[in-house]
Amino acid sequence: MIRTLTFALVLTLVATAAWGQATPTGEEGAQHWFRVSWVPPADSAAATIKGSIFNDSQYRVTNVRLQIEGLDADRHLVGRRLAWAIGDIPAAGDTFFAAEAVPGAVNYRITVVSWDLVSLDRAPQAP
């Protein structure tokens, strides 16, 4: 009985690790899976960047983390922030985020830096 349970646990862990390796990660995956849009703060009193993340993948995802890089007028980095998307994002769905503005930034570069897969949401669609 214990051998059977141990074997089942090992088999489950191996299958899960193999499945996880087949999914794109990092910038490559983020470029293909997500689109981010945002509106810079209208004035310094608002000091909030608001935006949305669209999930182009066929997977429901969660724990989507964004890196927000504040750029000056010459496009030099003046600061960074990390932010979380709100809730799960279904396949072909979207959600929003809000983050404090970066002092001295006049423009932003926002990228998805990490996420967790939840489940397959739909079959792949033809382009």
N, C-alpha and C. Protein backbone atom coordinates (compact mmCIF):
# COMPACT_ATOMS: atom_id res chain seq x y z
N MET A 1 0.82 -1.19 0.00
CA MET A 1 0.00 0.00 0.00
C MET A 1 0.87 1.26 0.00
N ILE A 2 1.86 1.31 0.89
CA ILE A 2 2.74 2.48 0.95
C ILE A 2 3.54 2.61 -0.33
N ARG A 3 3.98 1.50 -0.90
CA ARG A 3 4.71 1.55 -2.19
C ARG A 3 3.83 2.12 -3.29
N THR A 4 2.58 1.71 -3.31
CA THR A 4 1.66 2.20 -4.33
C THR A 4 1.45 3.70 -4.18
N LEU A 5 1.26 4.17 -2.96
CA LEU A 5 1.09 5.61 -2.72
C LEU A 5 2.34 6.39 -3.08
N THR A 6 3.49 5.86 -2.72
CA THR A 6 4.76 6.52 -3.05
C THR A 6 4.94 6.59 -4.55
N PHE A 7 4.67 5.49 -5.26
CA PHE A 7 4.79 5.46 -6.72
C PHE A 7 3.84 6.47 -7.36
N ALA A 8 2.60 6.53 -6.86
CA ALA A 8 1.62 7.47 -7.41
C ALA A 8 2.07 8.91 -7.20
N LEU A 9 2.62 9.20 -6.03
CA LEU A 9 3.11 10.56 -5.75
C LEU A 9 4.27 10.92 -6.67
N VAL A 10 5.22 10.04 -6.83
CA VAL A 10 6.37 10.29 -7.72
C VAL A 10 5.90 10.48 -9.14
N LEU A 11 4.99 9.64 -9.61
CA LEU A 11 4.47 9.74 -10.98
C LEU A 11 3.76 11.08 -11.19
N THR A 12 2.99 11.50 -10.21
CA THR A 12 2.31 12.79 -10.29
C THR A 12 3.30 13.94 -10.36
N LEU A 13 4.33 13.92 -9.53
CA LEU A 13 5.34 14.99 -9.53
C LEU A 13 6.09 15.04 -10.84
N VAL A 14 6.46 13.90 -11.39
CA VAL A 14 7.19 13.86 -12.66
C VAL A 14 6.31 14.38 -13.79
N ALA A 15 5.06 13.96 -13.82
CA ALA A 15 4.15 14.42 -14.88
C ALA A 15 3.92 15.92 -14.77
N THR A 16 3.77 16.43 -13.57
CA THR A 16 3.56 17.87 -13.38
C THR A 16 4.78 18.66 -13.81
N ALA A 17 5.98 18.21 -13.46
CA ALA A 17 7.20 18.91 -13.86
C ALA A 17 7.36 18.90 -15.37
N ALA A 18 7.07 17.80 -16.02
CA ALA A 18 7.20 17.72 -17.47
C ALA A 18 6.20 18.65 -18.14
N TRP A 19 4.97 18.72 -17.65
CA TRP A 19 3.97 19.60 -18.23
C TRP A 19 4.38 21.05 -18.08
N GLY A 20 4.89 21.42 -16.93
CA GLY A 20 5.30 22.79 -16.67
C GLY A 20 6.44 23.25 -17.56
N GLN A 21 7.32 22.34 -17.96
CA GLN A 21 8.46 22.71 -18.79
C GLN A 21 8.04 23.01 -20.22
N ALA A 22 6.89 22.54 -20.64
CA ALA A 22 6.46 22.74 -22.02
C ALA A 22 5.86 24.12 -22.25
N THR A 23 5.65 24.90 -21.23
CA THR A 23 5.04 26.21 -21.38
C THR A 23 6.10 27.28 -21.48
N PRO A 24 5.89 28.30 -22.33
CA PRO A 24 6.87 29.38 -22.43
C PRO A 24 6.97 30.15 -21.12
N THR A 25 8.16 30.62 -20.83
CA THR A 25 8.37 31.39 -19.61
C THR A 25 9.13 32.66 -19.94
N GLY A 26 9.25 33.51 -18.97
CA GLY A 26 10.05 34.73 -19.11
C GLY A 26 9.51 35.65 -20.17
N GLU A 27 10.41 36.47 -20.72
CA GLU A 27 9.99 37.46 -21.71
C GLU A 27 9.41 36.83 -22.96
N GLU A 28 9.97 35.69 -23.40
CA GLU A 28 9.46 35.03 -24.61
C GLU A 28 7.99 34.68 -24.44
N GLY A 29 7.65 34.04 -23.32
CA GLY A 29 6.26 33.68 -23.08
C GLY A 29 5.38 34.88 -22.89
N ALA A 30 5.86 35.87 -22.17
CA ALA A 30 5.07 37.06 -21.89
C ALA A 30 4.74 37.80 -23.18
N GLN A 31 5.68 37.86 -24.13
CA GLN A 31 5.43 38.56 -25.39
C GLN A 31 4.34 37.87 -26.20
N HIS A 32 4.27 36.55 -26.10
CA HIS A 32 3.28 35.80 -26.88
C HIS A 32 1.95 35.65 -26.14
N TRP A 33 1.98 35.68 -24.82
CA TRP A 33 0.79 35.39 -24.04
C TRP A 33 0.04 36.62 -23.56
N PHE A 34 0.71 37.74 -23.39
CA PHE A 34 0.07 38.88 -22.75
C PHE A 34 0.26 40.17 -23.53
N ARG A 35 -0.77 41.03 -23.43
CA ARG A 35 -0.67 42.40 -23.92
C ARG A 35 -1.01 43.31 -22.75
N VAL A 36 -0.18 44.32 -22.55
CA VAL A 36 -0.38 45.25 -21.44
C VAL A 36 -0.64 46.64 -22.02
N SER A 37 -1.65 47.30 -21.51
CA SER A 37 -1.89 48.71 -21.87
C SER A 37 -2.08 49.49 -20.59
N TRP A 38 -1.75 50.76 -20.62
CA TRP A 38 -1.84 51.58 -19.41
C TRP A 38 -2.03 53.04 -19.77
N VAL A 39 -2.44 53.78 -18.76
CA VAL A 39 -2.60 55.22 -18.86
C VAL A 39 -1.71 55.83 -17.79
N PRO A 40 -0.73 56.65 -18.19
CA PRO A 40 0.11 57.30 -17.18
C PRO A 40 -0.72 58.27 -16.34
N PRO A 41 -0.25 58.60 -15.17
CA PRO A 41 -1.00 59.55 -14.33
C PRO A 41 -1.21 60.87 -15.05
N ALA A 42 -2.41 61.42 -14.91
CA ALA A 42 -2.73 62.70 -15.56
C ALA A 42 -1.98 63.86 -14.90
N ASP A 43 -1.77 63.78 -13.60
CA ASP A 43 -1.02 64.81 -12.89
C ASP A 43 -0.33 64.14 -11.70
N SER A 44 0.57 64.87 -11.08
CA SER A 44 1.33 64.28 -9.97
C SER A 44 0.46 64.04 -8.74
N ALA A 45 -0.69 64.73 -8.62
CA ALA A 45 -1.56 64.51 -7.48
C ALA A 45 -2.20 63.12 -7.53
N ALA A 46 -2.52 62.65 -8.76
CA ALA A 46 -3.14 61.33 -8.90
C ALA A 46 -2.12 60.25 -8.57
N ALA A 47 -0.93 60.37 -9.13
CA ALA A 47 0.20 59.48 -8.86
C ALA A 47 -0.13 58.00 -8.93
N THR A 48 -1.03 57.63 -9.84
CA THR A 48 -1.37 56.22 -10.01
C THR A 48 -1.35 55.86 -11.49
N ILE A 49 -0.69 54.78 -11.80
CA ILE A 49 -0.70 54.23 -13.16
C ILE A 49 -1.78 53.16 -13.16
N LYS A 50 -2.69 53.25 -14.11
CA LYS A 50 -3.76 52.25 -14.23
C LYS A 50 -3.65 51.60 -15.59
N GLY A 51 -3.89 50.30 -15.63
CA GLY A 51 -3.81 49.61 -16.89
C GLY A 51 -4.53 48.29 -16.89
N SER A 52 -4.42 47.60 -18.01
CA SER A 52 -5.05 46.29 -18.14
C SER A 52 -4.09 45.31 -18.79
N ILE A 53 -4.34 44.04 -18.52
CA ILE A 53 -3.54 42.94 -19.07
C ILE A 53 -4.51 42.02 -19.79
N PHE A 54 -4.23 41.75 -21.06
CA PHE A 54 -5.04 40.83 -21.85
C PHE A 54 -4.28 39.53 -22.01
N ASN A 55 -4.93 38.41 -21.75
CA ASN A 55 -4.33 37.08 -21.84
C ASN A 55 -4.63 36.47 -23.21
N ASP A 56 -3.63 36.42 -24.08
CA ASP A 56 -3.79 35.85 -25.42
C ASP A 56 -3.61 34.34 -25.44
N SER A 57 -3.29 33.72 -24.31
CA SER A 57 -3.03 32.27 -24.30
C SER A 57 -4.33 31.48 -24.21
N GLN A 58 -4.19 30.18 -24.25
CA GLN A 58 -5.35 29.29 -24.09
C GLN A 58 -5.50 28.80 -22.65
N TYR A 59 -4.75 29.42 -21.74
CA TYR A 59 -4.74 29.00 -20.35
C TYR A 59 -5.31 30.06 -19.43
N ARG A 60 -5.98 29.62 -18.38
CA ARG A 60 -6.33 30.51 -17.28
C ARG A 60 -5.05 30.68 -16.46
N VAL A 61 -4.72 31.92 -16.10
CA VAL A 61 -3.51 32.20 -15.34
C VAL A 61 -3.86 32.99 -14.08
N THR A 62 -2.95 32.95 -13.13
CA THR A 62 -3.12 33.69 -11.89
C THR A 62 -1.76 34.20 -11.43
N ASN A 63 -1.76 34.99 -10.38
CA ASN A 63 -0.52 35.54 -9.83
C ASN A 63 0.34 36.22 -10.91
N VAL A 64 -0.31 36.99 -11.77
CA VAL A 64 0.41 37.69 -12.83
C VAL A 64 1.10 38.90 -12.21
N ARG A 65 2.42 38.93 -12.37
CA ARG A 65 3.23 40.01 -11.79
C ARG A 65 3.81 40.88 -12.90
N LEU A 66 3.75 42.17 -12.70
CA LEU A 66 4.22 43.15 -13.68
C LEU A 66 5.43 43.90 -13.14
N GLN A 67 6.36 44.20 -14.03
CA GLN A 67 7.45 45.10 -13.71
C GLN A 67 7.17 46.42 -14.41
N ILE A 68 7.16 47.49 -13.65
CA ILE A 68 6.89 48.82 -14.18
C ILE A 68 8.18 49.61 -14.09
N GLU A 69 8.71 49.99 -15.25
CA GLU A 69 9.94 50.78 -15.31
C GLU A 69 9.58 52.20 -15.70
N GLY A 70 9.94 53.14 -14.84
CA GLY A 70 9.71 54.56 -15.11
C GLY A 70 10.88 55.11 -15.90
N LEU A 71 10.58 55.84 -16.98
CA LEU A 71 11.60 56.40 -17.86
C LEU A 71 11.50 57.92 -17.89
N ASP A 72 12.65 58.59 -17.96
CA ASP A 72 12.64 60.05 -18.08
C ASP A 72 12.46 60.44 -19.55
N ALA A 73 12.54 61.74 -19.84
CA ALA A 73 12.33 62.23 -21.21
C ALA A 73 13.33 61.67 -22.21
N ASP A 74 14.53 61.31 -21.73
CA ASP A 74 15.56 60.72 -22.61
C ASP A 74 15.48 59.19 -22.64
N ARG A 75 14.42 58.63 -22.08
CA ARG A 75 14.17 57.19 -22.02
C ARG A 75 15.19 56.44 -21.16
N HIS A 76 15.74 57.14 -20.16
CA HIS A 76 16.63 56.51 -19.18
C HIS A 76 15.80 56.05 -17.99
N LEU A 77 16.15 54.92 -17.43
CA LEU A 77 15.45 54.37 -16.28
C LEU A 77 15.63 55.26 -15.05
N VAL A 78 14.50 55.63 -14.43
CA VAL A 78 14.57 56.44 -13.20
C VAL A 78 14.04 55.66 -11.99
N GLY A 79 13.44 54.51 -12.21
CA GLY A 79 12.95 53.70 -11.09
C GLY A 79 12.09 52.54 -11.56
N ARG A 80 11.88 51.60 -10.64
CA ARG A 80 11.08 50.40 -10.94
C ARG A 80 10.08 50.15 -9.82
N ARG A 81 9.01 49.49 -10.22
CA ARG A 81 8.00 49.01 -9.28
C ARG A 81 7.56 47.63 -9.75
N LEU A 82 7.05 46.85 -8.81
CA LEU A 82 6.40 45.60 -9.15
C LEU A 82 4.93 45.73 -8.75
N ALA A 83 4.06 45.14 -9.54
CA ALA A 83 2.63 45.19 -9.26
C ALA A 83 2.00 43.85 -9.61
N TRP A 84 0.85 43.59 -9.05
CA TRP A 84 0.11 42.36 -9.32
C TRP A 84 -1.15 42.68 -10.11
N ALA A 85 -1.46 41.83 -11.07
CA ALA A 85 -2.76 41.91 -11.74
C ALA A 85 -3.82 41.44 -10.76
N ILE A 86 -5.03 41.93 -10.90
CA ILE A 86 -6.12 41.58 -9.99
C ILE A 86 -6.78 40.28 -10.44
N GLY A 87 -6.73 39.25 -9.59
CA GLY A 87 -7.44 37.99 -9.84
C GLY A 87 -6.86 37.13 -10.93
N ASP A 88 -7.60 36.06 -11.24
CA ASP A 88 -7.24 35.17 -12.35
C ASP A 88 -7.59 35.85 -13.67
N ILE A 89 -6.89 35.45 -14.73
CA ILE A 89 -7.21 35.96 -16.06
C ILE A 89 -7.55 34.76 -16.93
N PRO A 90 -8.81 34.63 -17.37
CA PRO A 90 -9.16 33.50 -18.23
C PRO A 90 -8.54 33.64 -19.61
N ALA A 91 -8.49 32.55 -20.35
CA ALA A 91 -8.02 32.60 -21.73
C ALA A 91 -8.85 33.63 -22.49
N ALA A 92 -8.18 34.44 -23.30
CA ALA A 92 -8.82 35.50 -24.09
C ALA A 92 -9.56 36.50 -23.20
N GLY A 93 -9.13 36.62 -21.95
CA GLY A 93 -9.76 37.56 -21.03
C GLY A 93 -8.77 38.62 -20.57
N ASP A 94 -9.25 39.50 -19.73
CA ASP A 94 -8.37 40.55 -19.24
C ASP A 94 -8.72 40.90 -17.80
N THR A 95 -7.83 41.64 -17.19
CA THR A 95 -8.04 42.18 -15.86
C THR A 95 -7.27 43.49 -15.78
N PHE A 96 -7.20 44.07 -14.61
CA PHE A 96 -6.56 45.37 -14.48
C PHE A 96 -5.50 45.36 -13.40
N PHE A 97 -4.75 46.45 -13.35
CA PHE A 97 -3.77 46.67 -12.29
C PHE A 97 -3.71 48.17 -12.03
N ALA A 98 -3.19 48.50 -10.87
CA ALA A 98 -2.93 49.90 -10.51
C ALA A 98 -1.66 49.91 -9.68
N ALA A 99 -0.85 50.93 -9.88
CA ALA A 99 0.42 51.03 -9.14
C ALA A 99 0.77 52.49 -8.95
N GLU A 100 1.53 52.74 -7.92
CA GLU A 100 2.02 54.08 -7.65
C GLU A 100 2.96 54.51 -8.77
N ALA A 101 2.88 55.75 -9.19
CA ALA A 101 3.76 56.28 -10.24
C ALA A 101 5.21 56.30 -9.75
N VAL A 102 6.13 56.27 -10.69
CA VAL A 102 7.56 56.34 -10.38
C VAL A 102 7.95 57.82 -10.42
N PRO A 103 8.50 58.36 -9.32
CA PRO A 103 8.89 59.78 -9.32
C PRO A 103 9.90 60.08 -10.42
N GLY A 104 9.66 61.16 -11.15
CA GLY A 104 10.57 61.58 -12.22
C GLY A 104 10.30 60.92 -13.56
N ALA A 105 9.37 59.97 -13.62
CA ALA A 105 9.08 59.28 -14.88
C ALA A 105 8.09 60.07 -15.71
N VAL A 106 8.34 60.12 -17.03
CA VAL A 106 7.40 60.74 -17.95
C VAL A 106 6.81 59.71 -18.90
N ASN A 107 7.38 58.51 -18.89
CA ASN A 107 6.89 57.40 -19.70
C ASN A 107 7.17 56.11 -18.94
N TYR A 108 6.57 55.02 -19.39
CA TYR A 108 6.72 53.75 -18.70
C TYR A 108 6.91 52.60 -19.67
N ARG A 109 7.63 51.61 -19.22
CA ARG A 109 7.75 50.33 -19.93
C ARG A 109 7.24 49.28 -18.94
N ILE A 110 6.14 48.63 -19.29
CA ILE A 110 5.51 47.68 -18.37
C ILE A 110 5.50 46.30 -19.01
N THR A 111 6.04 45.32 -18.29
CA THR A 111 6.12 43.96 -18.81
C THR A 111 5.63 42.96 -17.78
N VAL A 112 5.09 41.85 -18.26
CA VAL A 112 4.71 40.74 -17.39
C VAL A 112 5.98 39.95 -17.12
N VAL A 113 6.30 39.75 -15.84
CA VAL A 113 7.54 39.04 -15.49
C VAL A 113 7.30 37.65 -14.92
N SER A 114 6.09 37.37 -14.45
CA SER A 114 5.81 36.02 -13.97
C SER A 114 4.31 35.79 -13.90
N TRP A 115 3.94 34.50 -13.92
CA TRP A 115 2.55 34.10 -13.79
C TRP A 115 2.52 32.62 -13.47
N ASP A 116 1.37 32.17 -12.98
CA ASP A 116 1.15 30.75 -12.70
C ASP A 116 -0.01 30.25 -13.55
N LEU A 117 0.17 29.06 -14.13
CA LEU A 117 -0.90 28.44 -14.89
C LEU A 117 -1.92 27.84 -13.94
N VAL A 118 -3.19 28.00 -14.27
CA VAL A 118 -4.26 27.40 -13.48
C VAL A 118 -4.82 26.18 -14.21
N SER A 119 -5.24 26.40 -15.46
CA SER A 119 -5.84 25.31 -16.23
C SER A 119 -5.93 25.69 -17.70
N LEU A 120 -6.17 24.67 -18.52
CA LEU A 120 -6.45 24.88 -19.93
C LEU A 120 -7.89 25.40 -20.01
N ASP A 121 -8.09 26.56 -20.63
CA ASP A 121 -9.42 27.15 -20.69
C ASP A 121 -10.16 26.84 -21.98
N ARG A 122 -9.44 26.72 -23.07
CA ARG A 122 -10.11 26.50 -24.36
C ARG A 122 -9.14 25.88 -25.33
N ALA A 123 -9.68 25.29 -26.37
CA ALA A 123 -8.85 24.72 -27.43
C ALA A 123 -8.23 25.84 -28.24
N PRO A 124 -7.04 25.62 -28.81
CA PRO A 124 -6.39 26.66 -29.62
C PRO A 124 -7.30 27.08 -30.78
N GLN A 125 -7.32 28.36 -31.07
CA GLN A 125 -8.11 28.90 -32.16
C GLN A 125 -7.23 29.16 -33.37
N ALA A 126 -7.79 28.96 -34.55
CA ALA A 126 -7.05 29.25 -35.78
C ALA A 126 -6.93 30.77 -35.92
N PRO A 127 -5.78 31.26 -36.45
CA PRO A 127 -5.61 32.72 -36.59
C PRO A 127 -6.53 33.31 -37.62
